[in-house]
């Protein structure tokens, strides 16, 4: 069983314990993740799948109980073959992978860097390979990052963040609303993408590192 399967199939209390192991220090605070009310008319996300639900330990019945968290979003692989939500252009891959440079795109997609809020993170080199770089030059598209074969943790996390972003922009991929907004996904990615030791501050007593943020993203999508 791979890591995405083990996370996606976790019982809510098991996932809650895994995510609650964060420290108390950090640099980014997004209070709305905790304070935002969950809609009670069936249109909101299942409470157990929200960050506040994962942290609270409150197992009282709520609207949406019984819906699997990993049914709320599509995986990175699924988004490669799916129609993307309005406002985001999938485009296509370059038609050449070697010089001359730049490589032609028959349909240029949305860039990863800055366009939707993500910090500058990915470019591509003269061989057409996507590389992690904080220099905003030769920008890679979201599709290029999704389809990159690079298995480095920085790439794995970026692919999960892209899937989470597309799920958030779509809003209703699964049987209930996705529990994160575009702004929340972007804030979580930007806080921890550079180093595994960086922290995203969930509230005044809980912070998550990159691995914990990725665990949460993975818990909200199909395996």
C-alpha atoms as a PDB file:
ATOM      1  CA  UNK A   1       0.000   0.000   0.000  1.00  0.00           C
ATOM      2  CA  UNK A   2       1.466   3.395  -0.929  1.00  0.00           C
ATOM      3  CA  UNK A   3       1.479   6.502   1.247  1.00  0.00           C
ATOM      4  CA  UNK A   4      -1.465   8.131  -0.513  1.00  0.00           C
ATOM      5  CA  UNK A   5      -3.589   5.069   0.089  1.00  0.00           C
ATOM      6  CA  UNK A   6      -2.728   4.869   3.759  1.00  0.00           C
ATOM      7  CA  UNK A   7      -3.580   8.528   4.284  1.00  0.00           C
ATOM      8  CA  UNK A   8      -6.724   8.517   2.188  1.00  0.00           C
ATOM      9  CA  UNK A   9      -8.167   5.528   3.988  1.00  0.00           C
ATOM     10  CA  UNK A  10      -7.324   6.663   7.516  1.00  0.00           C
ATOM     11  CA  UNK A  11     -10.112   6.750  10.049  1.00  0.00           C
ATOM     12  CA  UNK A  12     -10.851  10.366  11.044  1.00  0.00           C
ATOM     13  CA  UNK A  13      -9.438   9.913  14.547  1.00  0.00           C
ATOM     14  CA  UNK A  14      -6.222   8.348  13.192  1.00  0.00           C
ATOM     15  CA  UNK A  15      -5.695  11.169  10.721  1.00  0.00           C
ATOM     16  CA  UNK A  16      -6.486  13.700  13.448  1.00  0.00           C
ATOM     17  CA  UNK A  17      -3.754  12.307  15.673  1.00  0.00           C
ATOM     18  CA  UNK A  18      -1.280  12.382  12.783  1.00  0.00           C
ATOM     19  CA  UNK A  19      -2.028  16.004  11.937  1.00  0.00           C
ATOM     20  CA  UNK A  20      -2.093  17.251  15.523  1.00  0.00           C
ATOM     21  CA  UNK A  21       1.618  16.550  16.050  1.00  0.00           C
ATOM     22  CA  UNK A  22       2.616  20.061  14.943  1.00  0.00           C
ATOM     23  CA  UNK A  23       4.753  22.449  16.929  1.00  0.00           C
ATOM     24  CA  UNK A  24       3.819  25.810  18.430  1.00  0.00           C
ATOM     25  CA  UNK A  25       6.017  28.135  16.358  1.00  0.00           C
ATOM     26  CA  UNK A  26       5.666  29.370  12.810  1.00  0.00           C
ATOM     27  CA  UNK A  27       5.472  32.304  10.443  1.00  0.00           C
ATOM     28  CA  UNK A  28       2.050  32.250   8.763  1.00  0.00           C
ATOM     29  CA  UNK A  29      -1.332  32.451  10.481  1.00  0.00           C
ATOM     30  CA  UNK A  30      -4.601  31.868   8.642  1.00  0.00           C
ATOM     31  CA  UNK A  31      -7.211  32.142  11.360  1.00  0.00           C
ATOM     32  CA  UNK A  32     -10.136  31.587   9.001  1.00  0.00           C
ATOM     33  CA  UNK A  33      -9.191  27.908   8.782  1.00  0.00           C
ATOM     34  CA  UNK A  34     -10.363  27.516  12.362  1.00  0.00           C
ATOM     35  CA  UNK A  35     -12.978  30.226  12.725  1.00  0.00           C
ATOM     36  CA  UNK A  36     -14.870  29.762   9.458  1.00  0.00           C
ATOM     37  CA  UNK A  37     -18.321  28.275  10.235  1.00  0.00           C
ATOM     38  CA  UNK A  38     -19.380  25.057   8.568  1.00  0.00           C
ATOM     39  CA  UNK A  39     -22.676  25.422   6.754  1.00  0.00           C
ATOM     40  CA  UNK A  40     -25.487  23.440   8.289  1.00  0.00           C
ATOM     41  CA  UNK A  41     -27.733  23.099   5.254  1.00  0.00           C
ATOM     42  CA  UNK A  42     -25.866  20.268   3.537  1.00  0.00           C
ATOM     43  CA  UNK A  43     -23.928  22.569   1.191  1.00  0.00           C
ATOM     44  CA  UNK A  44     -20.830  22.770   3.332  1.00  0.00           C
ATOM     45  CA  UNK A  45     -17.956  20.288   3.596  1.00  0.00           C
ATOM     46  CA  UNK A  46     -18.167  17.377   6.048  1.00  0.00           C
ATOM     47  CA  UNK A  47     -16.972  18.733   9.383  1.00  0.00           C
ATOM     48  CA  UNK A  48     -14.581  15.835   9.976  1.00  0.00           C
ATOM     49  CA  UNK A  49     -12.749  16.779   6.775  1.00  0.00           C
ATOM     50  CA  UNK A  50     -12.124  20.410   7.690  1.00  0.00           C
ATOM     51  CA  UNK A  51      -8.987  21.464   9.508  1.00  0.00           C
ATOM     52  CA  UNK A  52     -11.010  22.542  12.527  1.00  0.00           C
ATOM     53  CA  UNK A  53     -12.721  19.142  12.559  1.00  0.00           C
ATOM     54  CA  UNK A  54      -9.387  17.342  12.415  1.00  0.00           C
ATOM     55  CA  UNK A  55      -8.021  19.352  15.313  1.00  0.00           C
ATOM     56  CA  UNK A  56     -11.039  19.565  17.574  1.00  0.00           C
ATOM     57  CA  UNK A  57     -11.505  15.895  18.381  1.00  0.00           C
ATOM     58  CA  UNK A  58     -15.240  16.598  18.518  1.00  0.00           C
ATOM     59  CA  UNK A  59     -16.918  13.433  17.287  1.00  0.00           C
ATOM     60  CA  UNK A  60     -20.499  14.713  17.692  1.00  0.00           C
ATOM     61  CA  UNK A  61     -22.660  14.132  14.611  1.00  0.00           C
ATOM     62  CA  UNK A  62     -22.523  17.003  12.124  1.00  0.00           C
ATOM     63  CA  UNK A  63     -23.851  17.713   8.645  1.00  0.00           C
ATOM     64  CA  UNK A  64     -21.928  15.594   6.156  1.00  0.00           C
ATOM     65  CA  UNK A  65     -20.898  12.868   8.596  1.00  0.00           C
ATOM     66  CA  UNK A  66     -20.439   9.569   6.797  1.00  0.00           C
ATOM     67  CA  UNK A  67     -18.900  11.116   3.669  1.00  0.00           C
ATOM     68  CA  UNK A  68     -15.355   9.885   3.062  1.00  0.00           C
ATOM     69  CA  UNK A  69     -12.873  12.758   3.035  1.00  0.00           C
ATOM     70  CA  UNK A  70     -10.959  11.182   0.165  1.00  0.00           C
ATOM     71  CA  UNK A  71     -14.065  11.434  -2.024  1.00  0.00           C
ATOM     72  CA  UNK A  72     -14.039  15.234  -1.989  1.00  0.00           C
ATOM     73  CA  UNK A  73     -11.271  15.853  -4.525  1.00  0.00           C
ATOM     74  CA  UNK A  74      -9.382  14.476  -7.498  1.00  0.00           C
ATOM     75  CA  UNK A  75      -5.781  13.299  -7.352  1.00  0.00           C
ATOM     76  CA  UNK A  76      -2.905  14.891  -9.297  1.00  0.00           C
ATOM     77  CA  UNK A  77      -3.052  12.040 -11.820  1.00  0.00           C
ATOM     78  CA  UNK A  78      -6.799  12.472 -12.291  1.00  0.00           C
ATOM     79  CA  UNK A  79      -6.443  16.192 -12.978  1.00  0.00           C
ATOM     80  CA  UNK A  80      -3.989  15.459 -15.794  1.00  0.00           C
ATOM     81  CA  UNK A  81      -6.814  13.801 -17.743  1.00  0.00           C
ATOM     82  CA  UNK A  82      -9.754  15.884 -16.455  1.00  0.00           C
ATOM     83  CA  UNK A  83     -11.317  19.108 -17.679  1.00  0.00           C
ATOM     84  CA  UNK A  84      -9.975  21.940 -15.526  1.00  0.00           C
ATOM     85  CA  UNK A  85     -12.214  24.474 -13.774  1.00  0.00           C
ATOM     86  CA  UNK A  86     -12.958  27.857 -15.306  1.00  0.00           C
ATOM     87  CA  UNK A  87     -10.164  30.364 -14.905  1.00  0.00           C
ATOM     88  CA  UNK A  88      -7.357  27.802 -15.125  1.00  0.00           C
ATOM     89  CA  UNK A  89      -5.946  26.719 -18.494  1.00  0.00           C
ATOM     90  CA  UNK A  90      -4.534  23.208 -18.745  1.00  0.00           C
ATOM     91  CA  UNK A  91      -2.803  23.813 -22.064  1.00  0.00           C
ATOM     92  CA  UNK A  92      -0.467  21.159 -23.388  1.00  0.00           C
ATOM     93  CA  UNK A  93       3.083  19.979 -23.007  1.00  0.00           C
ATOM     94  CA  UNK A  94       5.905  21.404 -25.175  1.00  0.00           C
ATOM     95  CA  UNK A  95       6.130  19.817 -28.604  1.00  0.00           C
ATOM     96  CA  UNK A  96       9.910  19.486 -28.294  1.00  0.00           C
ATOM     97  CA  UNK A  97      12.105  18.497 -25.370  1.00  0.00           C
ATOM     98  CA  UNK A  98      15.473  19.539 -26.776  1.00  0.00           C
ATOM     99  CA  UNK A  99      16.967  22.697 -28.269  1.00  0.00           C
ATOM    100  CA  UNK A 100      16.148  25.031 -29.947  1.00  0.00           C
ATOM    101  CA  UNK A 101      14.841  26.881 -26.919  1.00  0.00           C
ATOM    102  CA  UNK A 102      12.254  28.018 -25.962  1.00  0.00           C
ATOM    103  CA  UNK A 103      10.242  24.935 -26.689  1.00  0.00           C
ATOM    104  CA  UNK A 104       6.964  25.569 -28.527  1.00  0.00           C
ATOM    105  CA  UNK A 105       3.676  24.997 -26.694  1.00  0.00           C
ATOM    106  CA  UNK A 106       0.715  24.254 -28.982  1.00  0.00           C
ATOM    107  CA  UNK A 107      -1.496  25.471 -26.135  1.00  0.00           C
ATOM    108  CA  UNK A 108       0.189  27.373 -23.308  1.00  0.00           C
ATOM    109  CA  UNK A 109      -1.371  26.628 -19.946  1.00  0.00           C
ATOM    110  CA  UNK A 110      -1.517  28.597 -16.702  1.00  0.00           C
ATOM    111  CA  UNK A 111       1.883  29.111 -15.144  1.00  0.00           C
ATOM    112  CA  UNK A 112       2.636  27.724 -11.693  1.00  0.00           C
ATOM    113  CA  UNK A 113       4.450  30.839 -10.525  1.00  0.00           C
ATOM    114  CA  UNK A 114       2.396  33.687  -9.074  1.00  0.00           C
ATOM    115  CA  UNK A 115      -0.569  33.540 -11.488  1.00  0.00           C
ATOM    116  CA  UNK A 116      -2.891  31.815  -9.000  1.00  0.00           C
ATOM    117  CA  UNK A 117      -0.954  32.896  -5.929  1.00  0.00           C
ATOM    118  CA  UNK A 118       1.694  30.176  -5.615  1.00  0.00           C
ATOM    119  CA  UNK A 119       5.151  31.497  -4.820  1.00  0.00           C
ATOM    120  CA  UNK A 120       7.739  31.292  -7.594  1.00  0.00           C
ATOM    121  CA  UNK A 121       8.877  27.675  -7.472  1.00  0.00           C
ATOM    122  CA  UNK A 122       9.264  25.974 -10.864  1.00  0.00           C
ATOM    123  CA  UNK A 123      10.928  26.716 -14.181  1.00  0.00           C
ATOM    124  CA  UNK A 124      12.109  24.528 -17.019  1.00  0.00           C
ATOM    125  CA  UNK A 125      15.570  24.239 -18.493  1.00  0.00           C
ATOM    126  CA  UNK A 126      16.859  24.139 -22.065  1.00  0.00           C
ATOM    127  CA  UNK A 127      16.245  20.392 -22.174  1.00  0.00           C
ATOM    128  CA  UNK A 128      12.595  20.843 -21.278  1.00  0.00           C
ATOM    129  CA  UNK A 129      12.996  19.412 -17.764  1.00  0.00           C
ATOM    130  CA  UNK A 130      11.084  21.081 -14.950  1.00  0.00           C
ATOM    131  CA  UNK A 131      13.338  22.234 -12.120  1.00  0.00           C
ATOM    132  CA  UNK A 132      12.681  23.722  -8.688  1.00  0.00           C
ATOM    133  CA  UNK A 133      13.817  27.344  -8.766  1.00  0.00           C
ATOM    134  CA  UNK A 134      12.796  30.514  -6.977  1.00  0.00           C
ATOM    135  CA  UNK A 135      13.951  32.621  -9.949  1.00  0.00           C
ATOM    136  CA  UNK A 136      10.949  33.612 -12.069  1.00  0.00           C
ATOM    137  CA  UNK A 137      12.429  32.709 -15.471  1.00  0.00           C
ATOM    138  CA  UNK A 138      11.346  30.176 -18.124  1.00  0.00           C
ATOM    139  CA  UNK A 139       8.193  29.549 -16.158  1.00  0.00           C
ATOM    140  CA  UNK A 140       6.766  26.042 -15.966  1.00  0.00           C
ATOM    141  CA  UNK A 141       3.038  25.534 -16.293  1.00  0.00           C
ATOM    142  CA  UNK A 142       0.848  23.702 -13.808  1.00  0.00           C
ATOM    143  CA  UNK A 143       0.558  20.829 -16.290  1.00  0.00           C
ATOM    144  CA  UNK A 144       4.347  20.587 -16.668  1.00  0.00           C
ATOM    145  CA  UNK A 145       4.748  20.237 -12.907  1.00  0.00           C
ATOM    146  CA  UNK A 146       1.931  17.668 -12.703  1.00  0.00           C
ATOM    147  CA  UNK A 147       3.501  15.584 -15.455  1.00  0.00           C
ATOM    148  CA  UNK A 148       7.110  15.893 -14.328  1.00  0.00           C
ATOM    149  CA  UNK A 149       8.602  12.472 -13.463  1.00  0.00           C
ATOM    150  CA  UNK A 150      10.738  14.050 -10.742  1.00  0.00           C
ATOM    151  CA  UNK A 151       9.991  12.261  -7.432  1.00  0.00           C
ATOM    152  CA  UNK A 152      11.765  14.790  -5.216  1.00  0.00           C
ATOM    153  CA  UNK A 153       9.678  15.777  -2.144  1.00  0.00           C
ATOM    154  CA  UNK A 154       9.432  19.353  -3.461  1.00  0.00           C
ATOM    155  CA  UNK A 155       7.764  18.050  -6.625  1.00  0.00           C
ATOM    156  CA  UNK A 156       5.522  15.587  -4.782  1.00  0.00           C
ATOM    157  CA  UNK A 157       4.283  18.389  -2.540  1.00  0.00           C
ATOM    158  CA  UNK A 158       3.750  20.750  -5.477  1.00  0.00           C
ATOM    159  CA  UNK A 159       1.657  18.156  -7.318  1.00  0.00           C
ATOM    160  CA  UNK A 160      -0.528  17.684  -4.249  1.00  0.00           C
ATOM    161  CA  UNK A 161      -0.868  21.454  -3.915  1.00  0.00           C
ATOM    162  CA  UNK A 162      -1.897  21.806  -7.570  1.00  0.00           C
ATOM    163  CA  UNK A 163      -4.545  19.110  -7.148  1.00  0.00           C
ATOM    164  CA  UNK A 164      -5.783  20.789  -3.959  1.00  0.00           C
ATOM    165  CA  UNK A 165      -5.918  24.142  -5.749  1.00  0.00           C
ATOM    166  CA  UNK A 166      -7.919  22.737  -8.667  1.00  0.00           C
ATOM    167  CA  UNK A 167     -10.239  20.958  -6.231  1.00  0.00           C
ATOM    168  CA  UNK A 168     -10.722  24.202  -4.306  1.00  0.00           C
ATOM    169  CA  UNK A 169     -11.394  26.285  -7.426  1.00  0.00           C
ATOM    170  CA  UNK A 170     -13.878  23.700  -8.684  1.00  0.00           C
ATOM    171  CA  UNK A 171     -15.485  23.530  -5.265  1.00  0.00           C
ATOM    172  CA  UNK A 172     -17.626  20.425  -5.716  1.00  0.00           C
ATOM    173  CA  UNK A 173     -15.654  17.600  -7.308  1.00  0.00           C
ATOM    174  CA  UNK A 174     -17.167  15.003  -4.979  1.00  0.00           C
ATOM    175  CA  UNK A 175     -20.401  14.426  -3.056  1.00  0.00           C
ATOM    176  CA  UNK A 176     -19.885  17.487  -0.828  1.00  0.00           C
ATOM    177  CA  UNK A 177     -18.060  20.799  -0.919  1.00  0.00           C
ATOM    178  CA  UNK A 178     -14.264  20.791  -0.832  1.00  0.00           C
ATOM    179  CA  UNK A 179     -13.160  22.050   2.604  1.00  0.00           C
ATOM    180  CA  UNK A 180     -10.441  24.473   1.430  1.00  0.00           C
ATOM    181  CA  UNK A 181     -10.572  27.683  -0.589  1.00  0.00           C
ATOM    182  CA  UNK A 182      -8.033  28.733  -3.204  1.00  0.00           C
ATOM    183  CA  UNK A 183      -6.553  31.289  -0.802  1.00  0.00           C
ATOM    184  CA  UNK A 184      -6.146  28.673   1.916  1.00  0.00           C
ATOM    185  CA  UNK A 185      -4.384  26.179  -0.358  1.00  0.00           C
ATOM    186  CA  UNK A 186      -2.030  28.894  -1.586  1.00  0.00           C
ATOM    187  CA  UNK A 187      -1.244  30.095   1.947  1.00  0.00           C
ATOM    188  CA  UNK A 188      -0.472  26.563   3.100  1.00  0.00           C
ATOM    189  CA  UNK A 189       1.804  25.866   0.122  1.00  0.00           C
ATOM    190  CA  UNK A 190       3.638  29.176   0.333  1.00  0.00           C
ATOM    191  CA  UNK A 191       4.340  28.775   4.052  1.00  0.00           C
ATOM    192  CA  UNK A 192       6.208  25.477   3.773  1.00  0.00           C
ATOM    193  CA  UNK A 193       7.294  24.807   0.205  1.00  0.00           C
ATOM    194  CA  UNK A 194      10.934  25.823   0.590  1.00  0.00           C
ATOM    195  CA  UNK A 195      11.980  23.648   3.528  1.00  0.00           C
ATOM    196  CA  UNK A 196      10.580  20.612   5.293  1.00  0.00           C
ATOM    197  CA  UNK A 197      11.168  22.398   8.607  1.00  0.00           C
ATOM    198  CA  UNK A 198       9.139  25.509   7.751  1.00  0.00           C
ATOM    199  CA  UNK A 199       5.796  25.751   9.517  1.00  0.00           C
ATOM    200  CA  UNK A 200       2.268  26.727   8.597  1.00  0.00           C
ATOM    201  CA  UNK A 201       0.539  28.155  11.663  1.00  0.00           C
ATOM    202  CA  UNK A 202      -2.959  26.717  11.927  1.00  0.00           C
ATOM    203  CA  UNK A 203      -3.744  28.460  15.212  1.00  0.00           C
ATOM    204  CA  UNK A 204      -1.874  29.776  18.237  1.00  0.00           C
ATOM    205  CA  UNK A 205      -1.034  26.293  19.498  1.00  0.00           C
ATOM    206  CA  UNK A 206      -0.792  24.114  16.376  1.00  0.00           C
ATOM    207  CA  UNK A 207       1.601  24.409  13.433  1.00  0.00           C
ATOM    208  CA  UNK A 208       2.141  21.987  10.555  1.00  0.00           C
ATOM    209  CA  UNK A 209       5.323  21.279   8.619  1.00  0.00           C
ATOM    210  CA  UNK A 210       5.377  20.429   4.924  1.00  0.00           C
ATOM    211  CA  UNK A 211       4.801  16.733   5.524  1.00  0.00           C
ATOM    212  CA  UNK A 212       1.731  17.414   7.638  1.00  0.00           C
ATOM    213  CA  UNK A 213       0.270  19.857   5.109  1.00  0.00           C
ATOM    214  CA  UNK A 214       0.831  17.266   2.374  1.00  0.00           C
ATOM    215  CA  UNK A 215      -0.818  14.603   4.543  1.00  0.00           C
ATOM    216  CA  UNK A 216      -3.890  16.806   4.838  1.00  0.00           C
ATOM    217  CA  UNK A 217      -4.001  17.561   1.085  1.00  0.00           C
ATOM    218  CA  UNK A 218      -3.742  13.830   0.334  1.00  0.00           C
ATOM    219  CA  UNK A 219      -6.529  12.976   2.776  1.00  0.00           C
ATOM    220  CA  UNK A 220      -8.967  15.062   0.712  1.00  0.00           C
ATOM    221  CA  UNK A 221      -8.515  13.398  -2.669  1.00  0.00           C
ATOM    222  CA  UNK A 222      -8.986  10.067  -4.369  1.00  0.00           C
ATOM    223  CA  UNK A 223      -6.158   7.540  -4.070  1.00  0.00           C
END
